[in-house]
Amino acid sequence: MIFLKSFFRKKSIKIYLAIISIILFFLLFSISIKNYYLDLVNSNYEYSYIEFEYLGNKDDIKKIKNINQVYEGFSLRLDEGNYYFLINDYISLNDFEIVADKYIFPDQNIGSEVSFYNTNLIIKDLFENSSLYNVIYINSNTYKQLLSLLKPDSFIYRVTLSNWLNEEKTIKNLEDNLKVSNLTTFLNKKENINFESVILVFQTAIIIFSIVFIIVLVVTYINIVNDEKKKNYIYKCLG
């Protein structure tokens, strides 16, 4: 305890600690600001997603870096069009209830009953479509039952990203590592704002402060060791 008190009373140690504290403060501040603006960017892309067809396992998609949520669906090609049944658990649906694109059922209303291969489905809500496919949302139980009944032509996935600034890199990873097909990106910004340049500035600041922090730590350690060696040498000479 006495050693620690005498150690921290040294003027040089106080200076080292002050410098390290200042650098650490600016490093943490830069990280905080960068994360704040990154959250703003991602919230601006809240309704954006990437769709593609893939014949492999859903878990393979989750392993791709930057993939946030994965929604599984299947495609059913009929004479009147290509239908996309998609699991979407954030919409509260009972079994055999659907939320569908208005284009699919232009003459039907909410509460109407429709049929696919003698399977009756109840329309809970209708919406304007922004997908490549005629989208019909269903819950997990309905999905499993329709999967066995309809025998779909292919599986389709819709994914959201953890960081939309890395969209192009994520798409390349999907195409190179999983060999996905018919990949389409749907960007739906809430506002036409651009924080990429601000994030880049603070990302650069984080790198600079991190390098300086490491250098200062190393220099501080070397100086402390040298000071102790000098002190011990003097004590030794004095006997």
C-alpha atoms as a PDB file:
ATOM      1  CA  MET A   1       0.000   0.000   0.000  1.00  0.00           C
ATOM      2  CA  ILE A   2       2.818   2.387   0.896  1.00  0.00           C
ATOM      3  CA  PHE A   3       4.529   1.479  -2.382  1.00  0.00           C
ATOM      4  CA  LEU A   4       1.388   2.344  -4.373  1.00  0.00           C
ATOM      5  CA  LYS A   5       0.986   5.674  -2.593  1.00  0.00           C
ATOM      6  CA  SER A   6       4.574   6.634  -3.276  1.00  0.00           C
ATOM      7  CA  PHE A   7       4.227   5.399  -6.881  1.00  0.00           C
ATOM      8  CA  PHE A   8       1.190   7.572  -7.656  1.00  0.00           C
ATOM      9  CA  ARG A   9       2.651  10.592  -5.886  1.00  0.00           C
ATOM     10  CA  LYS A  10       5.384  10.880  -8.493  1.00  0.00           C
ATOM     11  CA  LYS A  11       4.942  13.863 -10.769  1.00  0.00           C
ATOM     12  CA  SER A  12       5.921  11.877 -13.886  1.00  0.00           C
ATOM     13  CA  ILE A  13       3.313   9.187 -13.130  1.00  0.00           C
ATOM     14  CA  LYS A  14       0.628  11.842 -12.689  1.00  0.00           C
ATOM     15  CA  ILE A  15       1.555  13.351 -16.051  1.00  0.00           C
ATOM     16  CA  TYR A  16       1.466   9.922 -17.742  1.00  0.00           C
ATOM     17  CA  LEU A  17      -1.942   9.148 -16.219  1.00  0.00           C
ATOM     18  CA  ALA A  18      -3.321  12.538 -17.264  1.00  0.00           C
ATOM     19  CA  ILE A  19      -2.181  12.039 -20.871  1.00  0.00           C
ATOM     20  CA  ILE A  20      -3.580   8.494 -20.985  1.00  0.00           C
ATOM     21  CA  SER A  21      -6.895   9.654 -19.480  1.00  0.00           C
ATOM     22  CA  ILE A  22      -7.275  12.465 -22.023  1.00  0.00           C
ATOM     23  CA  ILE A  23      -6.552  10.164 -24.981  1.00  0.00           C
ATOM     24  CA  LEU A  24      -8.891   7.491 -23.589  1.00  0.00           C
ATOM     25  CA  PHE A  25     -11.650  10.080 -23.145  1.00  0.00           C
ATOM     26  CA  PHE A  26     -11.424  11.221 -26.763  1.00  0.00           C
ATOM     27  CA  LEU A  27     -11.254   7.601 -27.952  1.00  0.00           C
ATOM     28  CA  LEU A  28     -14.417   6.632 -26.064  1.00  0.00           C
ATOM     29  CA  PHE A  29     -16.100   9.877 -27.126  1.00  0.00           C
ATOM     30  CA  SER A  30     -15.346   9.138 -30.805  1.00  0.00           C
ATOM     31  CA  ILE A  31     -16.668   5.578 -30.467  1.00  0.00           C
ATOM     32  CA  SER A  32     -19.853   6.870 -28.817  1.00  0.00           C
ATOM     33  CA  ILE A  33     -20.507   9.493 -31.517  1.00  0.00           C
ATOM     34  CA  LYS A  34     -19.761   7.027 -34.317  1.00  0.00           C
ATOM     35  CA  ASN A  35     -22.188   4.467 -32.847  1.00  0.00           C
ATOM     36  CA  TYR A  36     -24.829   7.179 -32.408  1.00  0.00           C
ATOM     37  CA  TYR A  37     -24.709   8.176 -36.079  1.00  0.00           C
ATOM     38  CA  LEU A  38     -24.519   4.528 -37.147  1.00  0.00           C
ATOM     39  CA  ASP A  39     -27.754   3.886 -35.244  1.00  0.00           C
ATOM     40  CA  LEU A  40     -29.319   6.860 -37.052  1.00  0.00           C
ATOM     41  CA  VAL A  41     -28.267   5.428 -40.420  1.00  0.00           C
ATOM     42  CA  ASN A  42     -29.656   1.980 -39.652  1.00  0.00           C
ATOM     43  CA  SER A  43     -32.929   3.352 -38.285  1.00  0.00           C
ATOM     44  CA  ASN A  44     -33.249   5.343 -41.513  1.00  0.00           C
ATOM     45  CA  TYR A  45     -33.117   2.018 -43.409  1.00  0.00           C
ATOM     46  CA  GLU A  46     -35.610   0.345 -41.066  1.00  0.00           C
ATOM     47  CA  TYR A  47     -37.911  -0.782 -43.892  1.00  0.00           C
ATOM     48  CA  SER A  48     -35.142  -1.810 -46.291  1.00  0.00           C
ATOM     49  CA  TYR A  49     -34.224  -5.407 -47.055  1.00  0.00           C
ATOM     50  CA  ILE A  50     -32.478  -7.764 -49.457  1.00  0.00           C
ATOM     51  CA  GLU A  51     -34.318 -10.638 -51.157  1.00  0.00           C
ATOM     52  CA  PHE A  52     -32.828 -13.647 -52.906  1.00  0.00           C
ATOM     53  CA  GLU A  53     -33.359 -17.312 -53.713  1.00  0.00           C
ATOM     54  CA  TYR A  54     -31.174 -19.900 -52.011  1.00  0.00           C
ATOM     55  CA  LEU A  55     -31.265 -23.700 -52.023  1.00  0.00           C
ATOM     56  CA  GLY A  56     -29.114 -24.225 -48.919  1.00  0.00           C
ATOM     57  CA  ASN A  57     -29.753 -24.083 -45.194  1.00  0.00           C
ATOM     58  CA  LYS A  58     -31.179 -20.984 -43.507  1.00  0.00           C
ATOM     59  CA  ASP A  59     -28.438 -21.206 -40.854  1.00  0.00           C
ATOM     60  CA  ASP A  60     -25.823 -20.621 -43.586  1.00  0.00           C
ATOM     61  CA  ILE A  61     -27.349 -17.189 -44.207  1.00  0.00           C
ATOM     62  CA  LYS A  62     -27.199 -16.272 -40.514  1.00  0.00           C
ATOM     63  CA  LYS A  63     -23.455 -16.988 -40.511  1.00  0.00           C
ATOM     64  CA  ILE A  64     -22.803 -14.236 -43.081  1.00  0.00           C
ATOM     65  CA  LYS A  65     -21.342 -11.199 -41.334  1.00  0.00           C
ATOM     66  CA  ASN A  66     -23.676  -8.179 -41.027  1.00  0.00           C
ATOM     67  CA  ILE A  67     -26.893 -10.203 -41.500  1.00  0.00           C
ATOM     68  CA  ASN A  68     -29.400  -9.126 -38.857  1.00  0.00           C
ATOM     69  CA  GLN A  69     -32.783 -10.815 -39.365  1.00  0.00           C
ATOM     70  CA  VAL A  70     -33.628 -13.621 -41.794  1.00  0.00           C
ATOM     71  CA  TYR A  71     -37.197 -14.258 -42.975  1.00  0.00           C
ATOM     72  CA  GLU A  72     -37.863 -17.451 -44.868  1.00  0.00           C
ATOM     73  CA  GLY A  73     -40.430 -17.872 -47.615  1.00  0.00           C
ATOM     74  CA  PHE A  74     -41.250 -19.966 -50.634  1.00  0.00           C
ATOM     75  CA  SER A  75     -42.295 -19.203 -54.158  1.00  0.00           C
ATOM     76  CA  LEU A  76     -45.402 -20.620 -55.778  1.00  0.00           C
ATOM     77  CA  ARG A  77     -45.749 -20.090 -59.504  1.00  0.00           C
ATOM     78  CA  LEU A  78     -49.318 -20.189 -60.766  1.00  0.00           C
ATOM     79  CA  ASP A  79     -50.819 -19.210 -64.141  1.00  0.00           C
ATOM     80  CA  GLU A  80     -51.883 -15.837 -62.764  1.00  0.00           C
ATOM     81  CA  GLY A  81     -48.518 -14.989 -61.238  1.00  0.00           C
ATOM     82  CA  ASN A  82     -45.651 -15.761 -58.904  1.00  0.00           C
ATOM     83  CA  TYR A  83     -46.649 -15.789 -55.217  1.00  0.00           C
ATOM     84  CA  TYR A  84     -44.324 -15.436 -52.298  1.00  0.00           C
ATOM     85  CA  PHE A  85     -45.435 -16.836 -48.927  1.00  0.00           C
ATOM     86  CA  LEU A  86     -43.222 -15.280 -46.262  1.00  0.00           C
ATOM     87  CA  ILE A  87     -42.931 -15.950 -42.535  1.00  0.00           C
ATOM     88  CA  ASN A  88     -43.104 -12.644 -40.706  1.00  0.00           C
ATOM     89  CA  ASP A  89     -43.420 -13.194 -36.973  1.00  0.00           C
ATOM     90  CA  TYR A  90     -43.397  -9.497 -36.064  1.00  0.00           C
ATOM     91  CA  ILE A  91     -46.912  -9.295 -37.531  1.00  0.00           C
ATOM     92  CA  SER A  92     -49.369 -10.913 -35.098  1.00  0.00           C
ATOM     93  CA  LEU A  93     -51.238 -13.504 -37.158  1.00  0.00           C
ATOM     94  CA  ASN A  94     -53.352 -16.480 -36.205  1.00  0.00           C
ATOM     95  CA  ASP A  95     -53.132 -19.740 -38.137  1.00  0.00           C
ATOM     96  CA  PHE A  96     -54.312 -19.339 -41.762  1.00  0.00           C
ATOM     97  CA  GLU A  97     -54.575 -15.566 -41.424  1.00  0.00           C
ATOM     98  CA  ILE A  98     -52.681 -13.590 -44.065  1.00  0.00           C
ATOM     99  CA  VAL A  99     -51.506 -10.052 -44.752  1.00  0.00           C
ATOM    100  CA  ALA A 100     -51.255  -9.636 -48.509  1.00  0.00           C
ATOM    101  CA  ASP A 101     -50.457  -7.307 -51.381  1.00  0.00           C
ATOM    102  CA  LYS A 102     -53.541  -5.481 -52.677  1.00  0.00           C
ATOM    103  CA  TYR A 103     -52.509  -6.393 -56.216  1.00  0.00           C
ATOM    104  CA  ILE A 104     -53.076 -10.097 -55.509  1.00  0.00           C
ATOM    105  CA  PHE A 105     -56.627  -9.651 -54.289  1.00  0.00           C
ATOM    106  CA  PRO A 106     -57.927  -6.423 -55.890  1.00  0.00           C
ATOM    107  CA  ASP A 107     -61.584  -7.395 -55.385  1.00  0.00           C
ATOM    108  CA  GLN A 108     -61.234  -8.691 -51.822  1.00  0.00           C
ATOM    109  CA  ASN A 109     -61.605  -6.865 -48.523  1.00  0.00           C
ATOM    110  CA  ILE A 110     -60.161  -7.350 -45.045  1.00  0.00           C
ATOM    111  CA  GLY A 111     -61.886 -10.368 -43.510  1.00  0.00           C
ATOM    112  CA  SER A 112     -62.497 -12.046 -46.878  1.00  0.00           C
ATOM    113  CA  GLU A 113     -61.624 -15.708 -47.368  1.00  0.00           C
ATOM    114  CA  VAL A 114     -59.418 -16.824 -50.258  1.00  0.00           C
ATOM    115  CA  SER A 115     -58.258 -20.256 -51.341  1.00  0.00           C
ATOM    116  CA  PHE A 116     -54.941 -21.707 -52.527  1.00  0.00           C
ATOM    117  CA  TYR A 117     -55.118 -25.383 -53.530  1.00  0.00           C
ATOM    118  CA  ASN A 118     -58.280 -25.859 -51.423  1.00  0.00           C
ATOM    119  CA  THR A 119     -56.575 -24.229 -48.434  1.00  0.00           C
ATOM    120  CA  ASN A 120     -58.730 -21.412 -47.066  1.00  0.00           C
ATOM    121  CA  LEU A 121     -56.915 -18.297 -45.892  1.00  0.00           C
ATOM    122  CA  ILE A 122     -58.428 -15.253 -44.179  1.00  0.00           C
ATOM    123  CA  ILE A 123     -57.239 -11.754 -45.146  1.00  0.00           C
ATOM    124  CA  LYS A 124     -56.331  -9.860 -41.978  1.00  0.00           C
ATOM    125  CA  ASP A 125     -54.874  -6.834 -43.780  1.00  0.00           C
ATOM    126  CA  LEU A 126     -53.837  -5.547 -47.232  1.00  0.00           C
ATOM    127  CA  PHE A 127     -50.869  -3.358 -48.173  1.00  0.00           C
ATOM    128  CA  GLU A 128     -49.103  -1.718 -51.118  1.00  0.00           C
ATOM    129  CA  ASN A 129     -46.362  -4.040 -52.372  1.00  0.00           C
ATOM    130  CA  SER A 130     -42.700  -3.035 -52.649  1.00  0.00           C
ATOM    131  CA  SER A 131     -41.344  -6.512 -53.344  1.00  0.00           C
ATOM    132  CA  LEU A 132     -40.252  -8.289 -56.494  1.00  0.00           C
ATOM    133  CA  TYR A 133     -42.905 -10.899 -55.693  1.00  0.00           C
ATOM    134  CA  ASN A 134     -46.613 -10.898 -54.838  1.00  0.00           C
ATOM    135  CA  VAL A 135     -46.082 -11.103 -51.079  1.00  0.00           C
ATOM    136  CA  ILE A 136     -48.370 -12.939 -48.663  1.00  0.00           C
ATOM    137  CA  TYR A 137     -47.338 -12.860 -44.992  1.00  0.00           C
ATOM    138  CA  ILE A 138     -48.204 -15.852 -42.784  1.00  0.00           C
ATOM    139  CA  ASN A 139     -47.179 -17.163 -39.366  1.00  0.00           C
ATOM    140  CA  SER A 140     -44.834 -20.085 -38.709  1.00  0.00           C
ATOM    141  CA  ASN A 141     -47.551 -22.706 -38.230  1.00  0.00           C
ATOM    142  CA  THR A 142     -49.364 -21.777 -41.435  1.00  0.00           C
ATOM    143  CA  TYR A 143     -46.041 -21.758 -43.279  1.00  0.00           C
ATOM    144  CA  LYS A 144     -45.281 -25.347 -42.247  1.00  0.00           C
ATOM    145  CA  GLN A 145     -48.717 -26.567 -43.285  1.00  0.00           C
ATOM    146  CA  LEU A 146     -48.675 -24.765 -46.641  1.00  0.00           C
ATOM    147  CA  LEU A 147     -45.154 -26.015 -47.265  1.00  0.00           C
ATOM    148  CA  SER A 148     -46.336 -29.634 -47.141  1.00  0.00           C
ATOM    149  CA  LEU A 149     -49.477 -28.918 -49.159  1.00  0.00           C
ATOM    150  CA  LEU A 150     -48.256 -26.615 -51.915  1.00  0.00           C
ATOM    151  CA  LYS A 151     -44.827 -28.161 -52.630  1.00  0.00           C
ATOM    152  CA  PRO A 152     -43.136 -24.868 -53.631  1.00  0.00           C
ATOM    153  CA  ASP A 153     -40.811 -24.375 -56.594  1.00  0.00           C
ATOM    154  CA  SER A 154     -38.078 -22.569 -54.658  1.00  0.00           C
ATOM    155  CA  PHE A 155     -37.214 -20.949 -51.341  1.00  0.00           C
ATOM    156  CA  ILE A 156     -36.814 -17.210 -51.009  1.00  0.00           C
ATOM    157  CA  TYR A 157     -35.255 -15.269 -48.155  1.00  0.00           C
ATOM    158  CA  ARG A 158     -35.577 -11.680 -47.024  1.00  0.00           C
ATOM    159  CA  VAL A 159     -32.802 -10.329 -44.811  1.00  0.00           C
ATOM    160  CA  THR A 160     -32.129  -7.084 -42.976  1.00  0.00           C
ATOM    161  CA  LEU A 161     -28.644  -5.806 -42.153  1.00  0.00           C
ATOM    162  CA  SER A 162     -26.956  -4.765 -38.930  1.00  0.00           C
ATOM    163  CA  ASN A 163     -25.054  -2.034 -40.761  1.00  0.00           C
ATOM    164  CA  TRP A 164     -26.457  -0.715 -44.040  1.00  0.00           C
ATOM    165  CA  LEU A 165     -23.214   1.099 -44.793  1.00  0.00           C
ATOM    166  CA  ASN A 166     -21.724  -2.347 -45.520  1.00  0.00           C
ATOM    167  CA  GLU A 167     -24.537  -3.314 -47.879  1.00  0.00           C
ATOM    168  CA  GLU A 168     -22.338  -3.871 -50.956  1.00  0.00           C
ATOM    169  CA  LYS A 169     -19.800  -5.957 -49.031  1.00  0.00           C
ATOM    170  CA  THR A 170     -22.597  -8.091 -47.545  1.00  0.00           C
ATOM    171  CA  ILE A 171     -24.141  -8.679 -50.973  1.00  0.00           C
ATOM    172  CA  LYS A 172     -20.745  -9.770 -52.311  1.00  0.00           C
ATOM    173  CA  ASN A 173     -20.376 -12.208 -49.400  1.00  0.00           C
ATOM    174  CA  LEU A 174     -23.827 -13.646 -50.093  1.00  0.00           C
ATOM    175  CA  GLU A 175     -23.097 -14.089 -53.789  1.00  0.00           C
ATOM    176  CA  ASP A 176     -19.567 -15.448 -53.343  1.00  0.00           C
ATOM    177  CA  ASN A 177     -20.056 -17.695 -50.311  1.00  0.00           C
ATOM    178  CA  LEU A 178     -23.632 -18.931 -50.721  1.00  0.00           C
ATOM    179  CA  LYS A 179     -24.155 -18.643 -54.488  1.00  0.00           C
ATOM    180  CA  VAL A 180     -27.581 -17.014 -54.060  1.00  0.00           C
ATOM    181  CA  SER A 181     -29.650 -16.170 -57.139  1.00  0.00           C
ATOM    182  CA  ASN A 182     -32.091 -13.430 -58.196  1.00  0.00           C
ATOM    183  CA  LEU A 183     -30.778 -11.099 -55.476  1.00  0.00           C
ATOM    184  CA  THR A 184     -32.617  -7.787 -55.259  1.00  0.00           C
ATOM    185  CA  THR A 185     -32.150  -4.905 -52.822  1.00  0.00           C
ATOM    186  CA  PHE A 186     -35.078  -2.756 -51.720  1.00  0.00           C
ATOM    187  CA  LEU A 187     -33.915   0.512 -50.160  1.00  0.00           C
ATOM    188  CA  ASN A 188     -36.625   2.425 -48.379  1.00  0.00           C
ATOM    189  CA  LYS A 189     -35.218   5.467 -46.559  1.00  0.00           C
ATOM    190  CA  LYS A 190     -37.359   7.383 -44.084  1.00  0.00           C
ATOM    191  CA  GLU A 191     -35.426  10.574 -44.817  1.00  0.00           C
ATOM    192  CA  ASN A 192     -32.930  11.584 -47.467  1.00  0.00           C
ATOM    193  CA  ILE A 193     -30.055  12.123 -45.053  1.00  0.00           C
ATOM    194  CA  ASN A 194     -26.428  11.105 -45.323  1.00  0.00           C
ATOM    195  CA  PHE A 195     -24.296  10.522 -42.247  1.00  0.00           C
ATOM    196  CA  GLU A 196     -21.647   8.410 -44.003  1.00  0.00           C
ATOM    197  CA  SER A 197     -19.106  11.260 -44.078  1.00  0.00           C
ATOM    198  CA  VAL A 198     -19.602  11.994 -40.355  1.00  0.00           C
ATOM    199  CA  ILE A 199     -19.160   8.307 -39.491  1.00  0.00           C
ATOM    200  CA  LEU A 200     -16.018   8.159 -41.641  1.00  0.00           C
ATOM    201  CA  VAL A 201     -14.523  11.143 -39.769  1.00  0.00           C
ATOM    202  CA  PHE A 202     -15.102   9.545 -36.361  1.00  0.00           C
ATOM    203  CA  GLN A 203     -13.982   6.139 -37.626  1.00  0.00           C
ATOM    204  CA  THR A 204     -10.701   7.743 -38.679  1.00  0.00           C
ATOM    205  CA  ALA A 205     -10.477   9.507 -35.310  1.00  0.00           C
ATOM    206  CA  ILE A 206     -10.960   6.162 -33.517  1.00  0.00           C
ATOM    207  CA  ILE A 207      -8.085   4.617 -35.473  1.00  0.00           C
ATOM    208  CA  ILE A 208      -5.788   7.604 -34.772  1.00  0.00           C
ATOM    209  CA  PHE A 209      -6.643   7.764 -31.042  1.00  0.00           C
ATOM    210  CA  SER A 210      -6.215   3.980 -30.741  1.00  0.00           C
ATOM    211  CA  ILE A 211      -2.736   4.145 -32.282  1.00  0.00           C
ATOM    212  CA  VAL A 212      -1.737   7.125 -30.115  1.00  0.00           C
ATOM    213  CA  PHE A 213      -3.146   5.385 -27.024  1.00  0.00           C
ATOM    214  CA  ILE A 214      -1.047   2.267 -27.666  1.00  0.00           C
ATOM    215  CA  ILE A 215       2.095   4.336 -28.353  1.00  0.00           C
ATOM    216  CA  VAL A 216       1.616   6.375 -25.154  1.00  0.00           C
ATOM    217  CA  LEU A 217       1.069   3.201 -23.114  1.00  0.00           C
ATOM    218  CA  VAL A 218       4.255   1.635 -24.486  1.00  0.00           C
ATOM    219  CA  VAL A 219       6.305   4.831 -23.954  1.00  0.00           C
ATOM    220  CA  THR A 220       4.867   5.217 -20.442  1.00  0.00           C
ATOM    221  CA  TYR A 221       5.749   1.635 -19.542  1.00  0.00           C
ATOM    222  CA  ILE A 222       9.297   2.012 -20.884  1.00  0.00           C
ATOM    223  CA  ASN A 223       9.808   5.295 -19.015  1.00  0.00           C
ATOM    224  CA  ILE A 224       8.461   3.856 -15.754  1.00  0.00           C
ATOM    225  CA  VAL A 225      10.747   0.830 -16.053  1.00  0.00           C
ATOM    226  CA  ASN A 226      13.760   3.059 -16.818  1.00  0.00           C
ATOM    227  CA  ASP A 227      12.922   5.380 -13.912  1.00  0.00           C
ATOM    228  CA  GLU A 228      12.726   2.413 -11.550  1.00  0.00           C
ATOM    229  CA  LYS A 229      16.043   1.074 -12.848  1.00  0.00           C
ATOM    230  CA  LYS A 230      17.704   4.479 -12.281  1.00  0.00           C
ATOM    231  CA  LYS A 231      16.223   4.753  -8.798  1.00  0.00           C
ATOM    232  CA  ASN A 232      17.316   1.244  -7.859  1.00  0.00           C
ATOM    233  CA  TYR A 233      20.806   1.952  -9.223  1.00  0.00           C
ATOM    234  CA  ILE A 234      21.092   5.113  -7.096  1.00  0.00           C
ATOM    235  CA  TYR A 235      19.879   3.227  -3.994  1.00  0.00           C
ATOM    236  CA  LYS A 236      22.408   0.520  -4.710  1.00  0.00           C
ATOM    237  CA  CYS A 237      25.258   3.045  -5.044  1.00  0.00           C
ATOM    238  CA  LEU A 238      24.229   4.740  -1.798  1.00  0.00           C
ATOM    239  CA  GLY A 239      24.239   1.347  -0.093  1.00  0.00           C
END
